[in-house]
Amino acid sequence: METFLYGSLILLGTFISAISQVMLKKASQKHYESVIQEYCNPLVIFAYGMFFGATILAVLAYRGIPLSMGPVLEATSYIYVTIFGVKIFHEKVNRQKILALVLIVAGIVIYSLLG
């Protein structure tokens, strides 16, 4: 049960990290008058704050999960980012991306069952 709780923390942190990546991509698509405005606007600052929070969650999660499990659970970020890319940025998903996602999910499942 403890591993489930700490595993959930790392998954939450990974999801938050994916959201902050989307926010940074949105911010990069805007035109700014200066470099200072580009990096010191509320969207960018909040996104980096979310990254910091996700890092704290990962540190807490590693207190209760094996070190080998962390990267496996963090691989779910590829799934989140792909879904956000399709839904928010209207990106196309080709066969290679689908195959890659299937392999990632298969790896997570195999690790979960045999790890």
PDB file of N, CA and C in Angstrom:
ATOM      1  N   MET A   1       0.832  -1.205   0.000  1.00  0.00           N
ATOM      2  CA  MET A   1       0.000   0.000   0.000  1.00  0.00           C
ATOM      3  C   MET A   1       0.866   1.255   0.000  1.00  0.00           C
ATOM      4  N   GLU A   2       1.965   1.198   0.744  1.00  0.00           N
ATOM      5  CA  GLU A   2       2.861   2.350   0.807  1.00  0.00           C
ATOM      6  C   GLU A   2       3.478   2.643  -0.562  1.00  0.00           C
ATOM      7  N   THR A   3       3.861   1.586  -1.267  1.00  0.00           N
ATOM      8  CA  THR A   3       4.437   1.762  -2.601  1.00  0.00           C
ATOM      9  C   THR A   3       3.416   2.402  -3.540  1.00  0.00           C
ATOM     10  N   PHE A   4       2.155   2.019  -3.407  1.00  0.00           N
ATOM     11  CA  PHE A   4       1.100   2.603  -4.237  1.00  0.00           C
ATOM     12  C   PHE A   4       0.985   4.111  -3.969  1.00  0.00           C
ATOM     13  N   LEU A   5       1.036   4.503  -2.715  1.00  0.00           N
ATOM     14  CA  LEU A   5       0.931   5.917  -2.351  1.00  0.00           C
ATOM     15  C   LEU A   5       2.095   6.714  -2.923  1.00  0.00           C
ATOM     16  N   TYR A   6       3.305   6.209  -2.724  1.00  0.00           N
ATOM     17  CA  TYR A   6       4.476   6.922  -3.230  1.00  0.00           C
ATOM     18  C   TYR A   6       4.545   6.875  -4.762  1.00  0.00           C
ATOM     19  N   GLY A   7       4.104   5.771  -5.347  1.00  0.00           N
ATOM     20  CA  GLY A   7       4.028   5.695  -6.807  1.00  0.00           C
ATOM     21  C   GLY A   7       3.038   6.696  -7.363  1.00  0.00           C
ATOM     22  N   SER A   8       1.933   6.890  -6.657  1.00  0.00           N
ATOM     23  CA  SER A   8       0.940   7.885  -7.069  1.00  0.00           C
ATOM     24  C   SER A   8       1.525   9.300  -7.011  1.00  0.00           C
ATOM     25  N   LEU A   9       2.383   9.550  -6.017  1.00  0.00           N
ATOM     26  CA  LEU A   9       3.032  10.862  -5.916  1.00  0.00           C
ATOM     27  C   LEU A   9       3.893  11.150  -7.140  1.00  0.00           C
ATOM     28  N   ILE A  10       4.669  10.146  -7.557  1.00  0.00           N
ATOM     29  CA  ILE A  10       5.537  10.376  -8.708  1.00  0.00           C
ATOM     30  C   ILE A  10       4.721  10.514  -9.996  1.00  0.00           C
ATOM     31  N   LEU A  11       3.621   9.784 -10.096  1.00  0.00           N
ATOM     32  CA  LEU A  11       2.748   9.932 -11.272  1.00  0.00           C
ATOM     33  C   LEU A  11       2.097  11.313 -11.292  1.00  0.00           C
ATOM     34  N   LEU A  12       1.683  11.805 -10.130  1.00  0.00           N
ATOM     35  CA  LEU A  12       1.108  13.146 -10.046  1.00  0.00           C
ATOM     36  C   LEU A  12       2.148  14.194 -10.433  1.00  0.00           C
ATOM     37  N   GLY A  13       3.354  14.035  -9.927  1.00  0.00           N
ATOM     38  CA  GLY A  13       4.421  14.970 -10.285  1.00  0.00           C
ATOM     39  C   GLY A  13       4.730  14.954 -11.773  1.00  0.00           C
ATOM     40  N   THR A  14       4.699  13.777 -12.357  1.00  0.00           N
ATOM     41  CA  THR A  14       4.947  13.648 -13.798  1.00  0.00           C
ATOM     42  C   THR A  14       3.837  14.324 -14.598  1.00  0.00           C
ATOM     43  N   PHE A  15       2.600  14.164 -14.152  1.00  0.00           N
ATOM     44  CA  PHE A  15       1.470  14.809 -14.817  1.00  0.00           C
ATOM     45  C   PHE A  15       1.574  16.337 -14.701  1.00  0.00           C
ATOM     46  N   ILE A  16       1.916  16.829 -13.524  1.00  0.00           N
ATOM     47  CA  ILE A  16       2.092  18.272 -13.320  1.00  0.00           C
ATOM     48  C   ILE A  16       3.216  18.798 -14.200  1.00  0.00           C
ATOM     49  N   SER A  17       4.282  18.042 -14.302  1.00  0.00           N
ATOM     50  CA  SER A  17       5.401  18.427 -15.157  1.00  0.00           C
ATOM     51  C   SER A  17       4.968  18.524 -16.625  1.00  0.00           C
ATOM     52  N   ALA A  18       4.148  17.591 -17.066  1.00  0.00           N
ATOM     53  CA  ALA A  18       3.651  17.622 -18.454  1.00  0.00           C
ATOM     54  C   ALA A  18       2.779  18.855 -18.688  1.00  0.00           C
ATOM     55  N   ILE A  19       1.963  19.212 -17.710  1.00  0.00           N
ATOM     56  CA  ILE A  19       1.131  20.413 -17.831  1.00  0.00           C
ATOM     57  C   ILE A  19       2.018  21.648 -17.930  1.00  0.00           C
ATOM     58  N   SER A  20       3.057  21.696 -17.125  1.00  0.00           N
ATOM     59  CA  SER A  20       3.928  22.865 -17.172  1.00  0.00           C
ATOM     60  C   SER A  20       4.681  22.950 -18.501  1.00  0.00           C
ATOM     61  N   GLN A  21       4.999  21.816 -19.096  1.00  0.00           N
ATOM     62  CA  GLN A  21       5.622  21.825 -20.423  1.00  0.00           C
ATOM     63  C   GLN A  21       4.684  22.436 -21.457  1.00  0.00           C
ATOM     64  N   VAL A  22       3.414  22.096 -21.360  1.00  0.00           N
ATOM     65  CA  VAL A  22       2.419  22.669 -22.272  1.00  0.00           C
ATOM     66  C   VAL A  22       2.337  24.182 -22.072  1.00  0.00           C
ATOM     67  N   MET A  23       2.343  24.614 -20.823  1.00  0.00           N
ATOM     68  CA  MET A  23       2.280  26.043 -20.534  1.00  0.00           C
ATOM     69  C   MET A  23       3.487  26.766 -21.122  1.00  0.00           C
ATOM     70  N   LEU A  24       4.671  26.175 -21.014  1.00  0.00           N
ATOM     71  CA  LEU A  24       5.869  26.799 -21.582  1.00  0.00           C
ATOM     72  C   LEU A  24       5.803  26.840 -23.108  1.00  0.00           C
ATOM     73  N   LYS A  25       5.248  25.807 -23.721  1.00  0.00           N
ATOM     74  CA  LYS A  25       5.113  25.815 -25.182  1.00  0.00           C
ATOM     75  C   LYS A  25       4.124  26.891 -25.615  1.00  0.00           C
ATOM     76  N   LYS A  26       3.024  27.034 -24.869  1.00  0.00           N
ATOM     77  CA  LYS A  26       2.054  28.098 -25.163  1.00  0.00           C
ATOM     78  C   LYS A  26       2.717  29.465 -25.058  1.00  0.00           C
ATOM     79  N   ALA A  27       3.513  29.652 -24.014  1.00  0.00           N
ATOM     80  CA  ALA A  27       4.193  30.933 -23.807  1.00  0.00           C
ATOM     81  C   ALA A  27       5.200  31.202 -24.917  1.00  0.00           C
ATOM     82  N   SER A  28       5.835  30.160 -25.430  1.00  0.00           N
ATOM     83  CA  SER A  28       6.836  30.345 -26.483  1.00  0.00           C
ATOM     84  C   SER A  28       6.215  30.727 -27.821  1.00  0.00           C
ATOM     85  N   GLN A  29       4.921  30.492 -27.970  1.00  0.00           N
ATOM     86  CA  GLN A  29       4.259  30.806 -29.231  1.00  0.00           C
ATOM     87  C   GLN A  29       3.788  32.258 -29.302  1.00  0.00           C
ATOM     88  N   LYS A  30       3.950  32.988 -28.214  1.00  0.00           N
ATOM     89  CA  LYS A  30       3.560  34.394 -28.192  1.00  0.00           C
ATOM     90  C   LYS A  30       4.756  35.267 -28.543  1.00  0.00           C
ATOM     91  N   HIS A  31       4.463  36.458 -29.051  1.00  0.00           N
ATOM     92  CA  HIS A  31       5.527  37.420 -29.345  1.00  0.00           C
ATOM     93  C   HIS A  31       5.673  38.376 -28.172  1.00  0.00           C
ATOM     94  N   TYR A  32       6.916  38.608 -27.773  1.00  0.00           N
ATOM     95  CA  TYR A  32       7.192  39.493 -26.656  1.00  0.00           C
ATOM     96  C   TYR A  32       8.066  40.648 -27.119  1.00  0.00           C
ATOM     97  N   GLU A  33       7.911  41.776 -26.472  1.00  0.00           N
ATOM     98  CA  GLU A  33       8.669  42.984 -26.824  1.00  0.00           C
ATOM     99  C   GLU A  33      10.149  42.853 -26.473  1.00  0.00           C
ATOM    100  N   SER A  34      10.457  42.096 -25.411  1.00  0.00           N
ATOM    101  CA  SER A  34      11.846  41.963 -24.977  1.00  0.00           C
ATOM    102  C   SER A  34      12.088  40.564 -24.419  1.00  0.00           C
ATOM    103  N   VAL A  35      13.352  40.254 -24.235  1.00  0.00           N
ATOM    104  CA  VAL A  35      13.729  38.961 -23.676  1.00  0.00           C
ATOM    105  C   VAL A  35      13.266  38.866 -22.225  1.00  0.00           C
ATOM    106  N   ILE A  36      13.308  39.965 -21.509  1.00  0.00           N
ATOM    107  CA  ILE A  36      12.855  39.983 -20.114  1.00  0.00           C
ATOM    108  C   ILE A  36      11.381  39.601 -20.045  1.00  0.00           C
ATOM    109  N   GLN A  37      10.554  40.181 -20.905  1.00  0.00           N
ATOM    110  CA  GLN A  37       9.126  39.856 -20.917  1.00  0.00           C
ATOM    111  C   GLN A  37       8.892  38.400 -21.315  1.00  0.00           C
ATOM    112  N   GLU A  38       9.767  37.891 -22.161  1.00  0.00           N
ATOM    113  CA  GLU A  38       9.631  36.512 -22.615  1.00  0.00           C
ATOM    114  C   GLU A  38       9.802  35.523 -21.459  1.00  0.00           C
ATOM    115  N   TYR A  39      10.726  35.819 -20.561  1.00  0.00           N
ATOM    116  CA  TYR A  39      11.012  34.897 -19.461  1.00  0.00           C
ATOM    117  C   TYR A  39      10.388  35.297 -18.128  1.00  0.00           C
ATOM    118  N   CYS A  40       9.971  36.525 -18.010  1.00  0.00           N
ATOM    119  CA  CYS A  40       9.408  37.009 -16.733  1.00  0.00           C
ATOM    120  C   CYS A  40       7.939  37.379 -16.892  1.00  0.00           C
ATOM    121  N   ASN A  41       7.172  36.485 -17.462  1.00  0.00           N
ATOM    122  CA  ASN A  41       5.731  36.716 -17.538  1.00  0.00           C
ATOM    123  C   ASN A  41       5.047  35.679 -16.653  1.00  0.00           C
ATOM    124  N   PRO A  42       3.832  35.953 -16.238  1.00  0.00           N
ATOM    125  CA  PRO A  42       3.166  35.069 -15.267  1.00  0.00           C
ATOM    126  C   PRO A  42       3.059  33.606 -15.709  1.00  0.00           C
ATOM    127  N   LEU A  43       2.804  33.355 -16.991  1.00  0.00           N
ATOM    128  CA  LEU A  43       2.662  31.980 -17.466  1.00  0.00           C
ATOM    129  C   LEU A  43       3.961  31.195 -17.299  1.00  0.00           C
ATOM    130  N   VAL A  44       5.058  31.799 -17.685  1.00  0.00           N
ATOM    131  CA  VAL A  44       6.365  31.138 -17.588  1.00  0.00           C
ATOM    132  C   VAL A  44       6.759  30.936 -16.123  1.00  0.00           C
ATOM    133  N   ILE A  45       6.583  31.951 -15.326  1.00  0.00           N
ATOM    134  CA  ILE A  45       6.942  31.853 -13.908  1.00  0.00           C
ATOM    135  C   ILE A  45       6.105  30.774 -13.219  1.00  0.00           C
ATOM    136  N   PHE A  46       4.810  30.735 -13.505  1.00  0.00           N
ATOM    137  CA  PHE A  46       3.942  29.717 -12.905  1.00  0.00           C
ATOM    138  C   PHE A  46       4.339  28.320 -13.374  1.00  0.00           C
ATOM    139  N   ALA A  47       4.681  28.181 -14.663  1.00  0.00           N
ATOM    140  CA  ALA A  47       5.094  26.875 -15.194  1.00  0.00           C
ATOM    141  C   ALA A  47       6.360  26.388 -14.501  1.00  0.00           C
ATOM    142  N   TYR A  48       7.323  27.276 -14.296  1.00  0.00           N
ATOM    143  CA  TYR A  48       8.538  26.863 -13.593  1.00  0.00           C
ATOM    144  C   TYR A  48       8.251  26.557 -12.126  1.00  0.00           C
ATOM    145  N   GLY A  49       7.306  27.250 -11.539  1.00  0.00           N
ATOM    146  CA  GLY A  49       6.869  26.922 -10.179  1.00  0.00           C
ATOM    147  C   GLY A  49       6.272  25.527 -10.114  1.00  0.00           C
ATOM    148  N   MET A  50       5.506  25.176 -11.153  1.00  0.00           N
ATOM    149  CA  MET A  50       4.938  23.823 -11.220  1.00  0.00           C
ATOM    150  C   MET A  50       6.040  22.777 -11.359  1.00  0.00           C
ATOM    151  N   PHE A  51       7.079  23.075 -12.162  1.00  0.00           N
ATOM    152  CA  PHE A  51       8.214  22.161 -12.276  1.00  0.00           C
ATOM    153  C   PHE A  51       8.869  21.944 -10.913  1.00  0.00           C
ATOM    154  N   PHE A  52       9.003  23.030 -10.150  1.00  0.00           N
ATOM    155  CA  PHE A  52       9.592  22.926  -8.821  1.00  0.00           C
ATOM    156  C   PHE A  52       8.726  22.024  -7.929  1.00  0.00           C
ATOM    157  N   GLY A  53       7.418  22.230  -7.979  1.00  0.00           N
ATOM    158  CA  GLY A  53       6.503  21.392  -7.201  1.00  0.00           C
ATOM    159  C   GLY A  53       6.586  19.934  -7.609  1.00  0.00           C
ATOM    160  N   ALA A  54       6.711  19.683  -8.909  1.00  0.00           N
ATOM    161  CA  ALA A  54       6.830  18.303  -9.403  1.00  0.00           C
ATOM    162  C   ALA A  54       8.130  17.674  -8.910  1.00  0.00           C
ATOM    163  N   THR A  55       9.178  18.462  -8.830  1.00  0.00           N
ATOM    164  CA  THR A  55      10.454  17.958  -8.313  1.00  0.00           C
ATOM    165  C   THR A  55      10.334  17.584  -6.842  1.00  0.00           C
ATOM    166  N   ILE A  56       9.642  18.411  -6.071  1.00  0.00           N
ATOM    167  CA  ILE A  56       9.418  18.112  -4.650  1.00  0.00           C
ATOM    168  C   ILE A  56       8.629  16.805  -4.511  1.00  0.00           C
ATOM    169  N   LEU A  57       7.606  16.633  -5.344  1.00  0.00           N
ATOM    170  CA  LEU A  57       6.828  15.390  -5.306  1.00  0.00           C
ATOM    171  C   LEU A  57       7.706  14.176  -5.622  1.00  0.00           C
ATOM    172  N   ALA A  58       8.610  14.334  -6.589  1.00  0.00           N
ATOM    173  CA  ALA A  58       9.500  13.225  -6.945  1.00  0.00           C
ATOM    174  C   ALA A  58      10.435  12.887  -5.781  1.00  0.00           C
ATOM    175  N   VAL A  59      10.961  13.909  -5.125  1.00  0.00           N
ATOM    176  CA  VAL A  59      11.844  13.668  -3.975  1.00  0.00           C
ATOM    177  C   VAL A  59      11.089  12.920  -2.876  1.00  0.00           C
ATOM    178  N   LEU A  60       9.870  13.351  -2.612  1.00  0.00           N
ATOM    179  CA  LEU A  60       9.055  12.662  -1.603  1.00  0.00           C
ATOM    180  C   LEU A  60       8.736  11.228  -2.037  1.00  0.00           C
ATOM    181  N   ALA A  61       8.445  11.043  -3.307  1.00  0.00           N
ATOM    182  CA  ALA A  61       8.079   9.713  -3.805  1.00  0.00           C
ATOM    183  C   ALA A  61       9.231   8.731  -3.673  1.00  0.00           C
ATOM    184  N   TYR A  62      10.459   9.203  -3.915  1.00  0.00           N
ATOM    185  CA  TYR A  62      11.605   8.299  -3.845  1.00  0.00           C
ATOM    186  C   TYR A  62      11.906   7.838  -2.421  1.00  0.00           C
ATOM    187  N   ARG A  63      11.231   8.404  -1.457  1.00  0.00           N
ATOM    188  CA  ARG A  63      11.376   7.910  -0.083  1.00  0.00           C
ATOM    189  C   ARG A  63      10.680   6.564   0.089  1.00  0.00           C
ATOM    190  N   GLY A  64       9.698   6.268  -0.777  1.00  0.00           N
ATOM    191  CA  GLY A  64       8.913   5.059  -0.576  1.00  0.00           C
ATOM    192  C   GLY A  64       8.867   4.104  -1.742  1.00  0.00           C
ATOM    193  N   ILE A  65       9.513   4.441  -2.848  1.00  0.00           N
ATOM    194  CA  ILE A  65       9.535   3.516  -3.980  1.00  0.00           C
ATOM    195  C   ILE A  65      10.981   3.168  -4.309  1.00  0.00           C
ATOM    196  N   PRO A  66      11.206   2.007  -4.893  1.00  0.00           N
ATOM    197  CA  PRO A  66      12.565   1.648  -5.306  1.00  0.00           C
ATOM    198  C   PRO A  66      13.078   2.606  -6.379  1.00  0.00           C
ATOM    199  N   LEU A  67      14.361   2.861  -6.350  1.00  0.00           N
ATOM    200  CA  LEU A  67      14.967   3.772  -7.318  1.00  0.00           C
ATOM    201  C   LEU A  67      14.722   3.314  -8.750  1.00  0.00           C
ATOM    202  N   SER A  68      14.644   2.026  -8.980  1.00  0.00           N
ATOM    203  CA  SER A  68      14.430   1.502 -10.328  1.00  0.00           C
ATOM    204  C   SER A  68      13.005   1.752 -10.830  1.00  0.00           C
ATOM    205  N   MET A  69      12.066   1.997  -9.935  1.00  0.00           N
ATOM    206  CA  MET A  69      10.673   2.200 -10.339  1.00  0.00           C
ATOM    207  C   MET A  69      10.415   3.633 -10.833  1.00  0.00           C
ATOM    208  N   GLY A  70      11.154   4.586 -10.333  1.00  0.00           N
ATOM    209  CA  GLY A  70      10.925   5.993 -10.677  1.00  0.00           C
ATOM    210  C   GLY A  70      10.940   6.285 -12.174  1.00  0.00           C
ATOM    211  N   PRO A  71      12.026   5.935 -12.870  1.00  0.00           N
ATOM    212  CA  PRO A  71      12.061   6.216 -14.309  1.00  0.00           C
ATOM    213  C   PRO A  71      10.955   5.514 -15.094  1.00  0.00           C
ATOM    214  N   VAL A  72      10.561   4.341 -14.632  1.00  0.00           N
ATOM    215  CA  VAL A  72       9.480   3.610 -15.313  1.00  0.00           C
ATOM    216  C   VAL A  72       8.183   4.405 -15.207  1.00  0.00           C
ATOM    217  N   LEU A  73       7.872   4.897 -14.006  1.00  0.00           N
ATOM    218  CA  LEU A  73       6.646   5.674 -13.828  1.00  0.00           C
ATOM    219  C   LEU A  73       6.745   7.046 -14.499  1.00  0.00           C
ATOM    220  N   GLU A  74       7.934   7.635 -14.499  1.00  0.00           N
ATOM    221  CA  GLU A  74       8.106   8.928 -15.155  1.00  0.00           C
ATOM    222  C   GLU A  74       7.971   8.835 -16.675  1.00  0.00           C
ATOM    223  N   ALA A  75       8.111   7.633 -17.228  1.00  0.00           N
ATOM    224  CA  ALA A  75       7.939   7.444 -18.673  1.00  0.00           C
ATOM    225  C   ALA A  75       6.509   7.738 -19.110  1.00  0.00           C
ATOM    226  N   THR A  76       5.571   7.772 -18.158  1.00  0.00           N
ATOM    227  CA  THR A  76       4.192   8.114 -18.514  1.00  0.00           C
ATOM    228  C   THR A  76       4.092   9.541 -19.049  1.00  0.00           C
ATOM    229  N   SER A  77       5.122  10.353 -18.813  1.00  0.00           N
ATOM    230  CA  SER A  77       5.089  11.728 -19.325  1.00  0.00           C
ATOM    231  C   SER A  77       4.963  11.754 -20.850  1.00  0.00           C
ATOM    232  N   TYR A  78       5.541  10.766 -21.526  1.00  0.00           N
ATOM    233  CA  TYR A  78       5.426  10.714 -22.988  1.00  0.00           C
ATOM    234  C   TYR A  78       3.964  10.551 -23.408  1.00  0.00           C
ATOM    235  N   ILE A  79       3.222   9.801 -22.635  1.00  0.00           N
ATOM    236  CA  ILE A  79       1.806   9.601 -22.938  1.00  0.00           C
ATOM    237  C   ILE A  79       1.046  10.910 -22.733  1.00  0.00           C
ATOM    238  N   TYR A  80       1.283  11.554 -21.582  1.00  0.00           N
ATOM    239  CA  TYR A  80       0.600  12.822 -21.286  1.00  0.00           C
ATOM    240  C   TYR A  80       0.919  13.882 -22.341  1.00  0.00           C
ATOM    241  N   VAL A  81       2.196  14.017 -22.669  1.00  0.00           N
ATOM    242  CA  VAL A  81       2.609  15.056 -23.618  1.00  0.00           C
ATOM    243  C   VAL A  81       2.016  14.788 -24.996  1.00  0.00           C
ATOM    244  N   THR A  82       1.948  13.530 -25.401  1.00  0.00           N
ATOM    245  CA  THR A  82       1.343  13.202 -26.700  1.00  0.00           C
ATOM    246  C   THR A  82      -0.138  13.561 -26.705  1.00  0.00           C
ATOM    247  N   ILE A  83      -0.846  13.208 -25.643  1.00  0.00           N
ATOM    248  CA  ILE A  83      -2.276  13.527 -25.567  1.00  0.00           C
ATOM    249  C   ILE A  83      -2.487  15.041 -25.582  1.00  0.00           C
ATOM    250  N   PHE A  84      -1.698  15.770 -24.788  1.00  0.00           N
ATOM    251  CA  PHE A  84      -1.825  17.236 -24.771  1.00  0.00           C
ATOM    252  C   PHE A  84      -1.486  17.825 -26.138  1.00  0.00           C
ATOM    253  N   GLY A  85      -0.466  17.264 -26.798  1.00  0.00           N
ATOM    254  CA  GLY A  85      -0.083  17.766 -28.118  1.00  0.00           C
ATOM    255  C   GLY A  85      -1.206  17.620 -29.128  1.00  0.00           C
ATOM    256  N   VAL A  86      -1.894  16.496 -29.080  1.00  0.00           N
ATOM    257  CA  VAL A  86      -3.003  16.253 -30.002  1.00  0.00           C
ATOM    258  C   VAL A  86      -4.193  17.152 -29.664  1.00  0.00           C
ATOM    259  N   LYS A  87      -4.544  17.208 -28.384  1.00  0.00           N
ATOM    260  CA  LYS A  87      -5.747  17.952 -27.969  1.00  0.00           C
ATOM    261  C   LYS A  87      -5.560  19.469 -28.005  1.00  0.00           C
ATOM    262  N   ILE A  88      -4.411  19.949 -27.573  1.00  0.00           N
ATOM    263  CA  ILE A  88      -4.221  21.395 -27.429  1.00  0.00           C
ATOM    264  C   ILE A  88      -3.562  22.015 -28.654  1.00  0.00           C
ATOM    265  N   PHE A  89      -2.534  21.340 -29.188  1.00  0.00           N
ATOM    266  CA  PHE A  89      -1.774  21.922 -30.295  1.00  0.00           C
ATOM    267  C   PHE A  89      -2.139  21.314 -31.652  1.00  0.00           C
ATOM    268  N   HIS A  90      -3.094  20.382 -31.658  1.00  0.00           N
ATOM    269  CA  HIS A  90      -3.584  19.736 -32.878  1.00  0.00           C
ATOM    270  C   HIS A  90      -2.455  19.082 -33.674  1.00  0.00           C
ATOM    271  N   GLU A  91      -1.525  18.461 -32.954  1.00  0.00           N
ATOM    272  CA  GLU A  91      -0.427  17.757 -33.595  1.00  0.00           C
ATOM    273  C   GLU A  91      -0.928  16.416 -34.136  1.00  0.00           C
ATOM    274  N   LYS A  92      -0.284  15.945 -35.154  1.00  0.00           N
ATOM    275  CA  LYS A  92      -0.645  14.659 -35.762  1.00  0.00           C
ATOM    276  C   LYS A  92       0.141  13.538 -35.093  1.00  0.00           C
ATOM    277  N   VAL A  93      -0.494  12.394 -34.930  1.00  0.00           N
ATOM    278  CA  VAL A  93       0.174  11.216 -34.382  1.00  0.00           C
ATOM    279  C   VAL A  93       0.309  10.192 -35.498  1.00  0.00           C
ATOM    280  N   ASN A  94       1.553   9.832 -35.785  1.00  0.00           N
ATOM    281  CA  ASN A  94       1.790   8.858 -36.847  1.00  0.00           C
ATOM    282  C   ASN A  94       2.005   7.461 -36.254  1.00  0.00           C
ATOM    283  N   ARG A  95       2.241   6.507 -37.109  1.00  0.00           N
ATOM    284  CA  ARG A  95       2.408   5.119 -36.666  1.00  0.00           C
ATOM    285  C   ARG A  95       3.601   4.955 -35.726  1.00  0.00           C
ATOM    286  N   GLN A  96       4.681   5.671 -36.020  1.00  0.00           N
ATOM    287  CA  GLN A  96       5.871   5.558 -35.177  1.00  0.00           C
ATOM    288  C   GLN A  96       5.587   6.023 -33.750  1.00  0.00           C
ATOM    289  N   LYS A  97       4.856   7.116 -33.605  1.00  0.00           N
ATOM    290  CA  LYS A  97       4.520   7.621 -32.271  1.00  0.00           C
ATOM    291  C   LYS A  97       3.605   6.647 -31.542  1.00  0.00           C
ATOM    292  N   ILE A  98       2.650   6.090 -32.265  1.00  0.00           N
ATOM    293  CA  ILE A  98       1.749   5.116 -31.645  1.00  0.00           C
ATOM    294  C   ILE A  98       2.531   3.886 -31.199  1.00  0.00           C
ATOM    295  N   LEU A  99       3.412   3.397 -32.051  1.00  0.00           N
ATOM    296  CA  LEU A  99       4.236   2.246 -31.692  1.00  0.00           C
ATOM    297  C   LEU A  99       5.100   2.559 -30.474  1.00  0.00           C
ATOM    298  N   ALA A 100       5.685   3.741 -30.446  1.00  0.00           N
ATOM    299  CA  ALA A 100       6.507   4.138 -29.303  1.00  0.00           C
ATOM    300  C   ALA A 100       5.684   4.176 -28.017  1.00  0.00           C
ATOM    301  N   LEU A 101       4.482   4.720 -28.086  1.00  0.00           N
ATOM    302  CA  LEU A 101       3.621   4.773 -26.901  1.00  0.00           C
ATOM    303  C   LEU A 101       3.219   3.372 -26.445  1.00  0.00           C
ATOM    304  N   VAL A 102       2.937   2.497 -27.398  1.00  0.00           N
ATOM    305  CA  VAL A 102       2.588   1.109 -27.054  1.00  0.00           C
ATOM    306  C   VAL A 102       3.773   0.435 -26.355  1.00  0.00           C
ATOM    307  N   LEU A 103       4.971   0.670 -26.855  1.00  0.00           N
ATOM    308  CA  LEU A 103       6.159   0.085 -26.225  1.00  0.00           C
ATOM    309  C   LEU A 103       6.372   0.644 -24.812  1.00  0.00           C
ATOM    310  N   ILE A 104       6.123   1.930 -24.629  1.00  0.00           N
ATOM    311  CA  ILE A 104       6.251   2.540 -23.299  1.00  0.00           C
ATOM    312  C   ILE A 104       5.256   1.919 -22.336  1.00  0.00           C
ATOM    313  N   VAL A 105       4.004   1.825 -22.757  1.00  0.00           N
ATOM    314  CA  VAL A 105       2.976   1.234 -21.899  1.00  0.00           C
ATOM    315  C   VAL A 105       3.304  -0.233 -21.619  1.00  0.00           C
ATOM    316  N   ALA A 106       3.756  -0.949 -22.630  1.00  0.00           N
ATOM    317  CA  ALA A 106       4.122  -2.359 -22.433  1.00  0.00           C
ATOM    318  C   ALA A 106       5.262  -2.472 -21.421  1.00  0.00           C
ATOM    319  N   GLY A 107       6.233  -1.594 -21.511  1.00  0.00           N
ATOM    320  CA  GLY A 107       7.336  -1.602 -20.560  1.00  0.00           C
ATOM    321  C   GLY A 107       6.873  -1.336 -19.139  1.00  0.00           C
ATOM    322  N   ILE A 108       5.964  -0.400 -18.983  1.00  0.00           N
ATOM    323  CA  ILE A 108       5.417  -0.098 -17.654  1.00  0.00           C
ATOM    324  C   ILE A 108       4.664  -1.300 -17.109  1.00  0.00           C
ATOM    325  N   VAL A 109       3.845  -1.920 -17.949  1.00  0.00           N
ATOM    326  CA  VAL A 109       3.074  -3.090 -17.508  1.00  0.00           C
ATOM    327  C   VAL A 109       3.994  -4.248 -17.153  1.00  0.00           C
ATOM    328  N   ILE A 110       4.987  -4.519 -17.991  1.00  0.00           N
ATOM    329  CA  ILE A 110       5.922  -5.620 -17.730  1.00  0.00           C
ATOM    330  C   ILE A 110       6.679  -5.375 -16.435  1.00  0.00           C
ATOM    331  N   TYR A 111       7.140  -4.149 -16.236  1.00  0.00           N
ATOM    332  CA  TYR A 111       7.845  -3.838 -14.987  1.00  0.00           C
ATOM    333  C   TYR A 111       6.922  -4.021 -13.787  1.00  0.00           C
ATOM    334  N   SER A 112       5.694  -3.579 -13.933  1.00  0.00           N
ATOM    335  CA  SER A 112       4.730  -3.692 -12.829  1.00  0.00           C
ATOM    336  C   SER A 112       4.451  -5.145 -12.465  1.00  0.00           C
ATOM    337  N   LEU A 113       4.385  -6.012 -13.477  1.00  0.00           N
ATOM    338  CA  LEU A 113       4.066  -7.413 -13.222  1.00  0.00           C
ATOM    339  C   LEU A 113       5.290  -8.239 -12.806  1.00  0.00           C
ATOM    340  N   LEU A 114       6.439  -7.913 -13.377  1.00  0.00           N
ATOM    341  CA  LEU A 114       7.621  -8.743 -13.142  1.00  0.00           C
ATOM    342  C   LEU A 114       8.690  -8.042 -12.307  1.00  0.00           C
ATOM    343  N   GLY A 115       8.569  -6.700 -12.201  1.00  0.00           N
ATOM    344  CA  GLY A 115       9.604  -5.883 -11.562  1.00  0.00           C
ATOM    345  C   GLY A 115       9.891  -6.220 -10.182  1.00  0.00           C
TER     346      GLY A 115
END
